[in-house]
Amino acid sequence: MRRRTALLASALLALAGTGLFTAPAHAVGGTVACTGSSSTTYSPGLTNTAQSVTATTTNAYSSCLVVLGGGITGAVGNTTQFTSVRSCTDLLNPRSSTGTVQWDNATQSTWAGTTTFVQQGSVLVSETIATVTSGPFNGQTLDRTVAYANISALTACSSPGGLTSLPGGVLTLAVLPV
């Protein structure tokens, strides 16, 4: 799924600005491919001991290509915050997640799905596969991937203060027809 999403996002972004894609203002559904950045802070830091932790994530979108977006031409950056009992021992376990994407036409899509983290060498990758549950693109698949370079999450968890941030992540967001 990740490879298919990455290829589709790359193809759509390559065609951006060619004029090949136009949609009437009343169109619904469609496909979205966005790139940007994401960072997350944890307070207190994640350690190997379970504790109540507040995670704050900030997303910024630098470019989007939307096909048949019903007036949507891009995503707007946002900040989300949630508190849960977490530890580094469960960091790489899949978990249920929910969220929203703010669109540039003052609408939002709400989604629910599963987020997984994978440590690949010095890169920590977070991927969320979800279904849009309300708003534009309702019922479609959302794939949100963030790659954080030069992060050894499990090593940071053992340091004084624990894992306190995931800075400078490269964000890819795709909304695809089912």
N, C-alpha and C. Protein backbone atom coordinates (compact mmCIF):
# COMPACT_ATOMS: atom_id res chain seq x y z
N MET A 1 0.83 -1.19 0.00
CA MET A 1 0.00 0.00 0.00
C MET A 1 0.88 1.26 0.00
N ARG A 2 1.93 1.28 0.82
CA ARG A 2 2.79 2.46 0.92
C ARG A 2 3.44 2.76 -0.42
N ARG A 3 3.91 1.73 -1.12
CA ARG A 3 4.57 1.94 -2.41
C ARG A 3 3.58 2.49 -3.43
N ARG A 4 2.35 1.93 -3.46
CA ARG A 4 1.33 2.40 -4.39
C ARG A 4 0.99 3.86 -4.11
N THR A 5 0.85 4.19 -2.83
CA THR A 5 0.51 5.56 -2.45
C THR A 5 1.63 6.51 -2.84
N ALA A 6 2.88 6.13 -2.58
CA ALA A 6 4.02 6.98 -2.91
C ALA A 6 4.11 7.20 -4.42
N LEU A 7 3.89 6.15 -5.20
CA LEU A 7 3.94 6.29 -6.66
C LEU A 7 2.81 7.19 -7.16
N LEU A 8 1.61 7.02 -6.62
CA LEU A 8 0.49 7.86 -7.03
C LEU A 8 0.75 9.31 -6.65
N ALA A 9 1.22 9.54 -5.43
CA ALA A 9 1.49 10.90 -4.99
C ALA A 9 2.56 11.55 -5.87
N SER A 10 3.61 10.81 -6.19
CA SER A 10 4.68 11.34 -7.04
C SER A 10 4.15 11.67 -8.43
N ALA A 11 3.35 10.79 -9.00
CA ALA A 11 2.79 11.03 -10.33
C ALA A 11 1.87 12.25 -10.33
N LEU A 12 1.02 12.35 -9.32
CA LEU A 12 0.10 13.49 -9.26
C LEU A 12 0.85 14.79 -9.08
N LEU A 13 1.86 14.80 -8.20
CA LEU A 13 2.63 16.03 -7.99
C LEU A 13 3.43 16.41 -9.24
N ALA A 14 3.89 15.42 -10.00
CA ALA A 14 4.62 15.70 -11.23
C ALA A 14 3.72 16.36 -12.27
N LEU A 15 2.44 16.03 -12.24
CA LEU A 15 1.50 16.60 -13.19
C LEU A 15 0.90 17.92 -12.74
N ALA A 16 1.20 18.33 -11.52
CA ALA A 16 0.65 19.58 -10.99
C ALA A 16 1.04 20.74 -11.91
N GLY A 17 0.11 21.58 -12.15
CA GLY A 17 0.39 22.76 -12.95
C GLY A 17 0.38 22.53 -14.44
N THR A 18 0.13 21.32 -14.90
CA THR A 18 0.12 21.07 -16.34
C THR A 18 -1.20 21.46 -16.97
N GLY A 19 -2.23 21.69 -16.15
CA GLY A 19 -3.54 22.04 -16.69
C GLY A 19 -4.35 20.83 -17.12
N LEU A 20 -3.82 19.65 -16.91
CA LEU A 20 -4.53 18.44 -17.31
C LEU A 20 -5.72 18.13 -16.42
N PHE A 21 -5.71 18.64 -15.19
CA PHE A 21 -6.76 18.32 -14.25
C PHE A 21 -7.59 19.56 -13.93
N THR A 22 -8.82 19.51 -14.31
CA THR A 22 -9.76 20.55 -13.90
C THR A 22 -11.02 19.84 -13.45
N ALA A 23 -11.72 20.45 -12.52
CA ALA A 23 -12.93 19.83 -11.98
C ALA A 23 -13.97 20.90 -11.76
N PRO A 24 -15.21 20.56 -12.00
CA PRO A 24 -16.26 21.52 -11.69
C PRO A 24 -16.31 21.78 -10.20
N ALA A 25 -16.80 22.95 -9.81
CA ALA A 25 -16.84 23.33 -8.40
C ALA A 25 -17.71 22.39 -7.57
N HIS A 26 -18.67 21.71 -8.18
CA HIS A 26 -19.56 20.84 -7.43
C HIS A 26 -19.03 19.41 -7.29
N ALA A 27 -17.85 19.12 -7.84
CA ALA A 27 -17.32 17.76 -7.80
C ALA A 27 -17.07 17.31 -6.37
N VAL A 28 -17.29 16.05 -6.09
CA VAL A 28 -17.00 15.48 -4.77
C VAL A 28 -16.14 14.25 -4.97
N GLY A 29 -15.54 13.78 -3.87
CA GLY A 29 -14.63 12.65 -3.99
C GLY A 29 -13.32 13.13 -4.56
N GLY A 30 -12.65 12.26 -5.27
CA GLY A 30 -11.42 12.67 -5.90
C GLY A 30 -10.20 12.11 -5.21
N THR A 31 -9.07 12.70 -5.56
CA THR A 31 -7.78 12.24 -5.07
C THR A 31 -6.97 13.44 -4.60
N VAL A 32 -6.26 13.27 -3.50
CA VAL A 32 -5.42 14.33 -2.96
C VAL A 32 -4.03 13.77 -2.73
N ALA A 33 -3.02 14.53 -3.08
CA ALA A 33 -1.63 14.19 -2.76
C ALA A 33 -0.96 15.46 -2.26
N CYS A 34 -0.50 15.45 -1.00
CA CYS A 34 0.15 16.62 -0.40
C CYS A 34 1.50 16.23 0.18
N THR A 35 2.40 17.19 0.20
CA THR A 35 3.68 17.01 0.89
C THR A 35 3.85 18.16 1.87
N GLY A 36 4.70 17.96 2.84
CA GLY A 36 4.94 19.00 3.82
C GLY A 36 5.86 18.51 4.92
N SER A 37 5.65 19.08 6.11
CA SER A 37 6.49 18.71 7.24
C SER A 37 5.63 18.49 8.47
N SER A 38 6.17 17.74 9.42
CA SER A 38 5.45 17.43 10.65
C SER A 38 6.46 17.31 11.78
N SER A 39 6.07 17.78 12.95
CA SER A 39 6.90 17.59 14.14
C SER A 39 6.00 17.28 15.32
N THR A 40 6.51 16.49 16.26
CA THR A 40 5.75 16.10 17.44
C THR A 40 6.62 16.30 18.67
N THR A 41 6.02 16.83 19.74
CA THR A 41 6.71 16.91 21.02
C THR A 41 5.93 16.08 22.04
N TYR A 42 6.65 15.52 22.99
CA TYR A 42 6.05 14.72 24.06
C TYR A 42 6.38 15.37 25.40
N SER A 43 5.36 15.56 26.24
CA SER A 43 5.56 16.16 27.55
C SER A 43 4.76 15.39 28.61
N PRO A 44 5.43 14.81 29.59
CA PRO A 44 6.89 14.64 29.68
C PRO A 44 7.37 13.69 28.57
N GLY A 45 8.68 13.57 28.43
CA GLY A 45 9.23 12.70 27.40
C GLY A 45 8.83 11.25 27.57
N LEU A 46 8.76 10.53 26.45
CA LEU A 46 8.47 9.09 26.50
C LEU A 46 9.67 8.36 27.08
N THR A 47 9.41 7.50 28.06
CA THR A 47 10.46 6.68 28.66
C THR A 47 10.00 5.23 28.61
N ASN A 48 10.78 4.35 29.23
CA ASN A 48 10.40 2.94 29.25
C ASN A 48 9.35 2.63 30.30
N THR A 49 8.93 3.63 31.05
CA THR A 49 7.89 3.47 32.07
C THR A 49 6.61 4.16 31.59
N ALA A 50 5.49 3.44 31.65
CA ALA A 50 4.21 4.00 31.22
C ALA A 50 3.83 5.18 32.10
N GLN A 51 3.39 6.27 31.47
CA GLN A 51 2.96 7.46 32.19
C GLN A 51 2.03 8.27 31.28
N SER A 52 1.31 9.19 31.85
CA SER A 52 0.44 10.08 31.08
C SER A 52 1.33 11.06 30.33
N VAL A 53 1.18 11.09 28.99
CA VAL A 53 2.02 11.91 28.13
C VAL A 53 1.13 12.72 27.19
N THR A 54 1.43 14.00 27.06
CA THR A 54 0.73 14.84 26.08
C THR A 54 1.58 14.94 24.83
N ALA A 55 1.00 14.55 23.70
CA ALA A 55 1.69 14.64 22.41
C ALA A 55 1.08 15.81 21.64
N THR A 56 1.94 16.69 21.13
CA THR A 56 1.50 17.82 20.32
C THR A 56 2.15 17.70 18.95
N THR A 57 1.33 17.61 17.92
CA THR A 57 1.83 17.45 16.55
C THR A 57 1.44 18.66 15.72
N THR A 58 2.41 19.21 15.01
CA THR A 58 2.19 20.34 14.11
C THR A 58 2.50 19.91 12.69
N ASN A 59 1.53 20.11 11.80
CA ASN A 59 1.68 19.76 10.39
C ASN A 59 1.66 21.03 9.54
N ALA A 60 2.51 21.08 8.54
CA ALA A 60 2.52 22.18 7.56
C ALA A 60 2.57 21.55 6.18
N TYR A 61 1.70 22.01 5.30
CA TYR A 61 1.65 21.47 3.94
C TYR A 61 2.25 22.48 2.99
N SER A 62 3.23 22.04 2.18
CA SER A 62 3.90 22.95 1.26
C SER A 62 3.32 22.87 -0.14
N SER A 63 2.80 21.73 -0.53
CA SER A 63 2.18 21.62 -1.86
C SER A 63 1.18 20.48 -1.86
N CYS A 64 0.13 20.68 -2.63
CA CYS A 64 -0.91 19.66 -2.79
C CYS A 64 -1.38 19.66 -4.24
N LEU A 65 -1.78 18.50 -4.67
CA LEU A 65 -2.47 18.37 -5.95
C LEU A 65 -3.78 17.68 -5.64
N VAL A 66 -4.87 18.29 -6.06
CA VAL A 66 -6.20 17.75 -5.79
C VAL A 66 -6.90 17.56 -7.13
N VAL A 67 -7.41 16.37 -7.35
CA VAL A 67 -8.16 16.05 -8.55
C VAL A 67 -9.60 15.80 -8.14
N LEU A 68 -10.54 16.51 -8.74
CA LEU A 68 -11.96 16.39 -8.41
C LEU A 68 -12.21 16.63 -6.92
N GLY A 69 -11.72 17.77 -6.44
CA GLY A 69 -11.80 18.07 -5.02
C GLY A 69 -12.97 18.93 -4.60
N GLY A 70 -13.89 19.23 -5.49
CA GLY A 70 -15.06 20.01 -5.11
C GLY A 70 -14.72 21.37 -4.54
N GLY A 71 -13.76 22.07 -5.12
CA GLY A 71 -13.38 23.39 -4.64
C GLY A 71 -12.19 23.38 -3.71
N ILE A 72 -11.75 22.23 -3.29
CA ILE A 72 -10.56 22.12 -2.44
C ILE A 72 -9.34 22.10 -3.34
N THR A 73 -8.36 22.95 -3.02
CA THR A 73 -7.13 22.96 -3.80
C THR A 73 -5.90 22.64 -2.96
N GLY A 74 -6.09 22.50 -1.63
CA GLY A 74 -4.95 22.17 -0.78
C GLY A 74 -5.36 21.99 0.66
N ALA A 75 -4.40 21.59 1.47
CA ALA A 75 -4.61 21.39 2.90
C ALA A 75 -3.97 22.55 3.66
N VAL A 76 -4.50 22.84 4.84
CA VAL A 76 -4.02 23.91 5.69
C VAL A 76 -3.31 23.29 6.88
N GLY A 77 -2.19 23.85 7.27
CA GLY A 77 -1.46 23.33 8.42
C GLY A 77 -2.31 23.37 9.69
N ASN A 78 -2.02 22.46 10.60
CA ASN A 78 -2.78 22.42 11.85
C ASN A 78 -1.92 21.84 12.97
N THR A 79 -2.38 22.05 14.19
CA THR A 79 -1.74 21.49 15.38
C THR A 79 -2.78 20.70 16.15
N THR A 80 -2.41 19.47 16.53
CA THR A 80 -3.31 18.64 17.33
C THR A 80 -2.59 18.26 18.62
N GLN A 81 -3.39 17.99 19.64
CA GLN A 81 -2.83 17.62 20.93
C GLN A 81 -3.72 16.57 21.57
N PHE A 82 -3.10 15.53 22.13
CA PHE A 82 -3.87 14.54 22.88
C PHE A 82 -3.01 13.99 24.00
N THR A 83 -3.67 13.50 25.03
CA THR A 83 -2.99 12.94 26.19
C THR A 83 -3.41 11.49 26.35
N SER A 84 -2.44 10.62 26.57
CA SER A 84 -2.72 9.20 26.80
C SER A 84 -1.58 8.60 27.61
N VAL A 85 -1.81 7.41 28.12
CA VAL A 85 -0.76 6.69 28.85
C VAL A 85 0.10 5.99 27.80
N ARG A 86 1.38 6.35 27.76
CA ARG A 86 2.30 5.84 26.75
C ARG A 86 3.65 5.52 27.37
N SER A 87 4.38 4.67 26.69
CA SER A 87 5.77 4.41 27.05
C SER A 87 6.52 4.02 25.78
N CYS A 88 7.83 3.99 25.87
CA CYS A 88 8.63 3.59 24.72
C CYS A 88 8.45 2.11 24.39
N THR A 89 8.06 1.33 25.39
CA THR A 89 7.89 -0.10 25.14
C THR A 89 6.72 -0.38 24.20
N ASP A 90 5.79 0.56 24.09
CA ASP A 90 4.67 0.36 23.16
C ASP A 90 4.72 1.31 21.97
N LEU A 91 5.81 2.07 21.82
CA LEU A 91 5.91 3.06 20.74
C LEU A 91 5.74 2.43 19.37
N LEU A 92 6.33 1.28 19.15
CA LEU A 92 6.29 0.67 17.82
C LEU A 92 5.08 -0.24 17.60
N ASN A 93 4.19 -0.33 18.59
CA ASN A 93 2.97 -1.13 18.43
C ASN A 93 1.92 -0.35 17.66
N PRO A 94 1.20 -1.01 16.73
CA PRO A 94 0.10 -0.33 16.04
C PRO A 94 -0.95 0.14 17.05
N ARG A 95 -1.58 1.28 16.76
CA ARG A 95 -2.62 1.77 17.65
C ARG A 95 -3.70 2.49 16.85
N SER A 96 -4.89 2.51 17.42
CA SER A 96 -6.00 3.23 16.81
C SER A 96 -5.72 4.71 16.89
N SER A 97 -6.13 5.44 15.86
CA SER A 97 -5.92 6.89 15.86
C SER A 97 -7.05 7.57 15.11
N THR A 98 -7.28 8.81 15.46
CA THR A 98 -8.28 9.64 14.79
C THR A 98 -7.67 11.01 14.56
N GLY A 99 -8.24 11.75 13.65
CA GLY A 99 -7.74 13.10 13.41
C GLY A 99 -8.56 13.82 12.38
N THR A 100 -8.10 15.00 12.03
CA THR A 100 -8.76 15.82 11.02
C THR A 100 -7.72 16.39 10.07
N VAL A 101 -8.18 16.69 8.87
CA VAL A 101 -7.39 17.44 7.90
C VAL A 101 -8.20 18.69 7.59
N GLN A 102 -7.58 19.84 7.79
CA GLN A 102 -8.22 21.12 7.46
C GLN A 102 -7.93 21.43 5.99
N TRP A 103 -8.98 21.77 5.23
CA TRP A 103 -8.81 22.08 3.82
C TRP A 103 -8.83 23.60 3.61
N ASP A 104 -8.33 24.04 2.47
CA ASP A 104 -8.22 25.47 2.21
C ASP A 104 -9.55 26.16 1.88
N ASN A 105 -10.64 25.42 1.83
CA ASN A 105 -11.95 26.04 1.61
C ASN A 105 -12.76 26.08 2.91
N ALA A 106 -12.08 26.02 4.05
CA ALA A 106 -12.69 26.11 5.39
C ALA A 106 -13.54 24.89 5.75
N THR A 107 -13.29 23.76 5.11
CA THR A 107 -13.94 22.51 5.50
C THR A 107 -12.88 21.61 6.12
N GLN A 108 -13.33 20.50 6.69
CA GLN A 108 -12.38 19.54 7.25
C GLN A 108 -12.89 18.13 7.05
N SER A 109 -11.96 17.21 6.94
CA SER A 109 -12.26 15.78 6.88
C SER A 109 -11.81 15.15 8.19
N THR A 110 -12.69 14.36 8.78
CA THR A 110 -12.35 13.60 9.99
C THR A 110 -12.04 12.18 9.56
N TRP A 111 -11.03 11.57 10.19
CA TRP A 111 -10.65 10.21 9.82
C TRP A 111 -10.42 9.36 11.07
N ALA A 112 -10.50 8.04 10.87
CA ALA A 112 -10.21 7.06 11.93
C ALA A 112 -9.48 5.89 11.28
N GLY A 113 -8.42 5.41 11.96
CA GLY A 113 -7.66 4.31 11.39
C GLY A 113 -6.63 3.77 12.35
N THR A 114 -5.53 3.28 11.80
CA THR A 114 -4.46 2.66 12.58
C THR A 114 -3.14 3.31 12.21
N THR A 115 -2.36 3.65 13.25
CA THR A 115 -1.03 4.22 13.05
C THR A 115 0.02 3.22 13.50
N THR A 116 1.05 3.05 12.69
CA THR A 116 2.18 2.19 13.04
C THR A 116 3.46 3.01 12.93
N PHE A 117 4.42 2.68 13.77
CA PHE A 117 5.76 3.26 13.71
C PHE A 117 6.74 2.14 13.39
N VAL A 118 7.70 2.43 12.52
CA VAL A 118 8.74 1.46 12.18
C VAL A 118 10.08 2.19 12.23
N GLN A 119 11.05 1.63 12.96
CA GLN A 119 12.40 2.18 12.98
C GLN A 119 13.19 1.49 11.89
N GLN A 120 13.64 2.26 10.88
CA GLN A 120 14.42 1.72 9.77
C GLN A 120 15.79 2.40 9.79
N GLY A 121 16.74 1.78 10.48
CA GLY A 121 18.05 2.41 10.65
C GLY A 121 17.88 3.66 11.50
N SER A 122 18.33 4.81 10.97
CA SER A 122 18.21 6.06 11.73
C SER A 122 16.94 6.84 11.35
N VAL A 123 16.03 6.20 10.63
CA VAL A 123 14.79 6.85 10.22
C VAL A 123 13.62 6.19 10.93
N LEU A 124 12.81 7.00 11.60
CA LEU A 124 11.58 6.53 12.22
C LEU A 124 10.43 6.93 11.30
N VAL A 125 9.64 5.94 10.88
CA VAL A 125 8.54 6.18 9.96
C VAL A 125 7.22 5.92 10.67
N SER A 126 6.32 6.88 10.59
CA SER A 126 4.97 6.76 11.11
C SER A 126 4.03 6.70 9.92
N GLU A 127 3.16 5.69 9.89
CA GLU A 127 2.18 5.60 8.81
C GLU A 127 0.80 5.36 9.39
N THR A 128 -0.14 6.17 8.94
CA THR A 128 -1.54 6.01 9.33
C THR A 128 -2.33 5.63 8.09
N ILE A 129 -3.05 4.52 8.18
CA ILE A 129 -4.00 4.12 7.15
C ILE A 129 -5.37 4.27 7.78
N ALA A 130 -6.23 5.06 7.17
CA ALA A 130 -7.50 5.39 7.79
C ALA A 130 -8.60 5.51 6.74
N THR A 131 -9.81 5.64 7.24
CA THR A 131 -10.97 5.92 6.40
C THR A 131 -11.50 7.29 6.79
N VAL A 132 -11.78 8.12 5.82
CA VAL A 132 -12.40 9.41 6.09
C VAL A 132 -13.84 9.14 6.52
N THR A 133 -14.19 9.61 7.72
CA THR A 133 -15.50 9.29 8.30
C THR A 133 -16.51 10.42 8.18
N SER A 134 -16.05 11.63 7.88
CA SER A 134 -16.98 12.74 7.65
C SER A 134 -16.28 13.86 6.92
N GLY A 135 -17.07 14.71 6.28
CA GLY A 135 -16.53 15.83 5.54
C GLY A 135 -16.16 15.44 4.13
N PRO A 136 -15.41 16.33 3.44
CA PRO A 136 -14.98 16.01 2.08
C PRO A 136 -14.23 14.68 2.04
N PHE A 137 -14.42 13.95 0.98
CA PHE A 137 -13.76 12.66 0.74
C PHE A 137 -14.27 11.56 1.68
N ASN A 138 -15.47 11.74 2.24
CA ASN A 138 -16.06 10.76 3.15
C ASN A 138 -16.06 9.37 2.52
N GLY A 139 -15.61 8.37 3.28
CA GLY A 139 -15.57 6.99 2.82
C GLY A 139 -14.30 6.61 2.08
N GLN A 140 -13.46 7.57 1.77
CA GLN A 140 -12.23 7.29 1.04
C GLN A 140 -11.09 6.91 1.98
N THR A 141 -10.03 6.37 1.41
CA THR A 141 -8.86 5.94 2.18
C THR A 141 -7.87 7.09 2.32
N LEU A 142 -7.37 7.28 3.54
CA LEU A 142 -6.35 8.29 3.83
C LEU A 142 -5.08 7.56 4.22
N ASP A 143 -3.96 7.95 3.63
CA ASP A 143 -2.65 7.41 3.98
C ASP A 143 -1.75 8.60 4.32
N ARG A 144 -1.36 8.66 5.60
CA ARG A 144 -0.51 9.76 6.09
C ARG A 144 0.80 9.14 6.57
N THR A 145 1.91 9.52 5.94
CA THR A 145 3.22 8.97 6.29
C THR A 145 4.15 10.11 6.66
N VAL A 146 4.89 9.92 7.76
CA VAL A 146 5.89 10.90 8.17
C VAL A 146 7.19 10.15 8.42
N ALA A 147 8.27 10.62 7.79
CA ALA A 147 9.60 10.03 8.00
C ALA A 147 10.46 11.04 8.76
N TYR A 148 10.92 10.62 9.93
CA TYR A 148 11.79 11.45 10.78
C TYR A 148 13.21 10.94 10.65
N ALA A 149 14.11 11.74 10.08
CA ALA A 149 15.50 11.31 9.87
C ALA A 149 16.32 11.52 11.13
N ASN A 150 17.36 10.73 11.25
CA ASN A 150 18.33 10.84 12.35
C ASN A 150 17.69 10.72 13.72
N ILE A 151 16.72 9.84 13.85
CA ILE A 151 16.04 9.59 15.12
C ILE A 151 16.20 8.12 15.47
N SER A 152 16.77 7.86 16.60
CA SER A 152 16.78 6.51 17.15
C SER A 152 15.86 6.56 18.37
N ALA A 153 14.58 6.31 18.12
CA ALA A 153 13.55 6.50 19.14
C ALA A 153 13.85 5.68 20.39
N LEU A 154 14.23 4.43 20.22
CA LEU A 154 14.42 3.58 21.38
C LEU A 154 15.66 3.98 22.19
N THR A 155 16.69 4.50 21.52
CA THR A 155 17.85 5.01 22.24
C THR A 155 17.47 6.28 23.01
N ALA A 156 16.72 7.17 22.37
CA ALA A 156 16.29 8.40 23.03
C ALA A 156 15.43 8.11 24.25
N CYS A 157 14.67 7.03 24.19
CA CYS A 157 13.80 6.67 25.32
C CYS A 157 14.60 6.37 26.58
N SER A 158 15.82 5.89 26.40
CA SER A 158 16.65 5.52 27.55
C SER A 158 17.49 6.68 28.06
N SER A 159 17.46 7.80 27.35
CA SER A 159 18.25 8.95 27.78
C SER A 159 17.53 9.72 28.88
N PRO A 160 18.25 10.56 29.63
CA PRO A 160 17.59 11.37 30.66
C PRO A 160 16.49 12.23 30.03
N GLY A 161 15.32 12.19 30.58
CA GLY A 161 14.19 12.95 30.03
C GLY A 161 13.42 12.21 28.96
N GLY A 162 14.00 11.15 28.42
CA GLY A 162 13.30 10.34 27.42
C GLY A 162 13.22 10.98 26.05
N LEU A 163 12.35 10.43 25.22
CA LEU A 163 12.11 10.93 23.87
C LEU A 163 11.16 12.12 23.99
N THR A 164 11.67 13.33 23.75
CA THR A 164 10.85 14.54 23.94
C THR A 164 10.34 15.13 22.63
N SER A 165 10.96 14.77 21.51
CA SER A 165 10.48 15.35 20.25
C SER A 165 10.85 14.49 19.06
N LEU A 166 10.04 14.64 18.03
CA LEU A 166 10.29 14.08 16.70
C LEU A 166 10.26 15.27 15.75
N PRO A 167 11.40 15.93 15.52
CA PRO A 167 11.41 17.15 14.71
C PRO A 167 11.61 16.86 13.22
N GLY A 168 11.19 17.81 12.40
CA GLY A 168 11.55 17.82 10.98
C GLY A 168 11.11 16.64 10.16
N GLY A 169 9.96 16.07 10.44
CA GLY A 169 9.49 14.94 9.66
C GLY A 169 9.02 15.35 8.28
N VAL A 170 9.30 14.51 7.29
CA VAL A 170 8.81 14.73 5.93
C VAL A 170 7.45 14.07 5.83
N LEU A 171 6.43 14.89 5.54
CA LEU A 171 5.04 14.46 5.56
C LEU A 171 4.52 14.23 4.16
N THR A 172 3.83 13.11 3.97
CA THR A 172 3.10 12.82 2.75
C THR A 172 1.69 12.45 3.13
N LEU A 173 0.72 13.11 2.52
CA LEU A 173 -0.69 12.83 2.77
C LEU A 173 -1.34 12.48 1.45
N ALA A 174 -2.05 11.36 1.43
CA ALA A 174 -2.79 10.97 0.22
C ALA A 174 -4.20 10.58 0.63
N VAL A 175 -5.18 11.03 -0.13
CA VAL A 175 -6.56 10.60 0.03
C VAL A 175 -6.93 9.98 -1.31
N LEU A 176 -7.34 8.70 -1.23
CA LEU A 176 -7.55 7.92 -2.44
C LEU A 176 -8.93 7.32 -2.49
N PRO A 177 -9.50 7.17 -3.67
CA PRO A 177 -10.77 6.46 -3.78
C PRO A 177 -10.61 5.02 -3.31
N VAL A 178 -11.68 4.46 -2.79
CA VAL A 178 -11.64 3.07 -2.30
C VAL A 178 -11.59 2.13 -3.49
